[in-house]
C-alpha atoms as a PDB file:
ATOM      1  CA  UNK A   1      -3.997  91.156 -17.347  1.00  0.00           C
ATOM      2  CA  UNK A   2      -6.316  88.479 -18.599  1.00  0.00           C
ATOM      3  CA  UNK A   3      -9.461  88.672 -17.221  1.00  0.00           C
ATOM      4  CA  UNK A   4     -12.107  85.641 -17.675  1.00  0.00           C
ATOM      5  CA  UNK A   5     -15.738  85.974 -16.686  1.00  0.00           C
ATOM      6  CA  UNK A   6     -17.410  82.417 -17.599  1.00  0.00           C
ATOM      7  CA  UNK A   7     -21.162  82.615 -16.687  1.00  0.00           C
ATOM      8  CA  UNK A   8     -23.102  78.709 -15.983  1.00  0.00           C
ATOM      9  CA  UNK A   9     -26.915  78.322 -14.949  1.00  0.00           C
ATOM     10  CA  UNK A  10     -27.179  77.838 -10.875  1.00  0.00           C
ATOM     11  CA  UNK A  11     -27.693  73.620 -11.642  1.00  0.00           C
ATOM     12  CA  UNK A  12     -25.146  71.901  -9.429  1.00  0.00           C
ATOM     13  CA  UNK A  13     -21.464  72.531 -10.633  1.00  0.00           C
ATOM     14  CA  UNK A  14     -19.823  71.039  -8.164  1.00  0.00           C
ATOM     15  CA  UNK A  15     -16.626  72.821  -6.685  1.00  0.00           C
ATOM     16  CA  UNK A  16     -14.415  70.080  -8.245  1.00  0.00           C
ATOM     17  CA  UNK A  17     -15.827  70.885 -11.558  1.00  0.00           C
ATOM     18  CA  UNK A  18     -15.458  74.757 -11.199  1.00  0.00           C
ATOM     19  CA  UNK A  19     -11.764  74.704 -10.104  1.00  0.00           C
ATOM     20  CA  UNK A  20     -11.453  72.436 -13.338  1.00  0.00           C
ATOM     21  CA  UNK A  21     -12.893  75.310 -15.133  1.00  0.00           C
ATOM     22  CA  UNK A  22     -10.396  77.813 -14.052  1.00  0.00           C
ATOM     23  CA  UNK A  23      -7.580  75.679 -14.466  1.00  0.00           C
ATOM     24  CA  UNK A  24      -8.209  74.654 -17.811  1.00  0.00           C
ATOM     25  CA  UNK A  25      -9.315  78.269 -19.135  1.00  0.00           C
ATOM     26  CA  UNK A  26      -6.231  79.604 -17.370  1.00  0.00           C
ATOM     27  CA  UNK A  27      -4.090  77.071 -19.057  1.00  0.00           C
ATOM     28  CA  UNK A  28      -5.501  77.935 -22.636  1.00  0.00           C
ATOM     29  CA  UNK A  29      -4.420  81.511 -22.013  1.00  0.00           C
ATOM     30  CA  UNK A  30      -1.115  80.829 -21.088  1.00  0.00           C
ATOM     31  CA  UNK A  31      -0.973  77.958 -23.931  1.00  0.00           C
ATOM     32  CA  UNK A  32      -2.669  80.114 -26.792  1.00  0.00           C
ATOM     33  CA  UNK A  33      -1.420  83.474 -25.818  1.00  0.00           C
ATOM     34  CA  UNK A  34       1.615  83.007 -23.574  1.00  0.00           C
ATOM     35  CA  UNK A  35      -0.553  84.717 -20.552  1.00  0.00           C
ATOM     36  CA  UNK A  36       0.750  84.728 -17.294  1.00  0.00           C
ATOM     37  CA  UNK A  37      -1.000  82.251 -15.313  1.00  0.00           C
ATOM     38  CA  UNK A  38      -0.151  83.990 -11.743  1.00  0.00           C
ATOM     39  CA  UNK A  39      -1.793  87.228 -13.318  1.00  0.00           C
ATOM     40  CA  UNK A  40      -5.036  85.679 -15.341  1.00  0.00           C
ATOM     41  CA  UNK A  41      -7.812  86.516 -13.340  1.00  0.00           C
ATOM     42  CA  UNK A  42     -11.314  83.743 -13.506  1.00  0.00           C
ATOM     43  CA  UNK A  43     -14.948  84.438 -12.478  1.00  0.00           C
ATOM     44  CA  UNK A  44     -17.415  82.059 -12.202  1.00  0.00           C
ATOM     45  CA  UNK A  45     -20.856  83.290 -12.274  1.00  0.00           C
ATOM     46  CA  UNK A  46     -23.496  81.537 -11.305  1.00  0.00           C
ATOM     47  CA  UNK A  47     -27.449  82.424 -12.571  1.00  0.00           C
ATOM     48  CA  UNK A  48     -30.698  81.310 -11.248  1.00  0.00           C
ATOM     49  CA  UNK A  49     -32.510  79.906 -14.523  1.00  0.00           C
ATOM     50  CA  UNK A  50     -34.985  82.247 -13.800  1.00  0.00           C
ATOM     51  CA  UNK A  51     -32.796  85.309 -14.250  1.00  0.00           C
ATOM     52  CA  UNK A  52     -31.542  83.508 -17.687  1.00  0.00           C
ATOM     53  CA  UNK A  53     -33.607  84.558 -20.901  1.00  0.00           C
ATOM     54  CA  UNK A  54     -33.343  82.954 -24.187  1.00  0.00           C
ATOM     55  CA  UNK A  55     -36.195  84.391 -26.657  1.00  0.00           C
ATOM     56  CA  UNK A  56     -37.822  86.311 -24.403  1.00  0.00           C
ATOM     57  CA  UNK A  57     -38.205  83.322 -21.566  1.00  0.00           C
ATOM     58  CA  UNK A  58     -36.356  82.568 -18.846  1.00  0.00           C
ATOM     59  CA  UNK A  59     -34.815  79.133 -18.983  1.00  0.00           C
ATOM     60  CA  UNK A  60     -36.665  78.005 -16.534  1.00  0.00           C
ATOM     61  CA  UNK A  61     -40.255  78.609 -18.611  1.00  0.00           C
ATOM     62  CA  UNK A  62     -38.215  76.725 -21.659  1.00  0.00           C
ATOM     63  CA  UNK A  63     -37.173  73.620 -19.283  1.00  0.00           C
ATOM     64  CA  UNK A  64     -40.571  73.016 -18.138  1.00  0.00           C
ATOM     65  CA  UNK A  65     -41.850  73.316 -21.763  1.00  0.00           C
ATOM     66  CA  UNK A  66     -38.611  70.683 -22.872  1.00  0.00           C
ATOM     67  CA  UNK A  67     -36.949  72.860 -25.072  1.00  0.00           C
END
């Protein structure tokens, strides 16, 4: 049973976009590894940019500086 966890920043991914990610990842695992789509689990976690850090700073701070 494949389990895939997708983490993205919480910046307005639509329900349709998330559904497309779930379908696409499920199809990819089926096509490449022969995994059963009925037992493939895909979870999307949306993380606030204040809670996502790169290089010792939050994404919020980096984006305010234009990085």
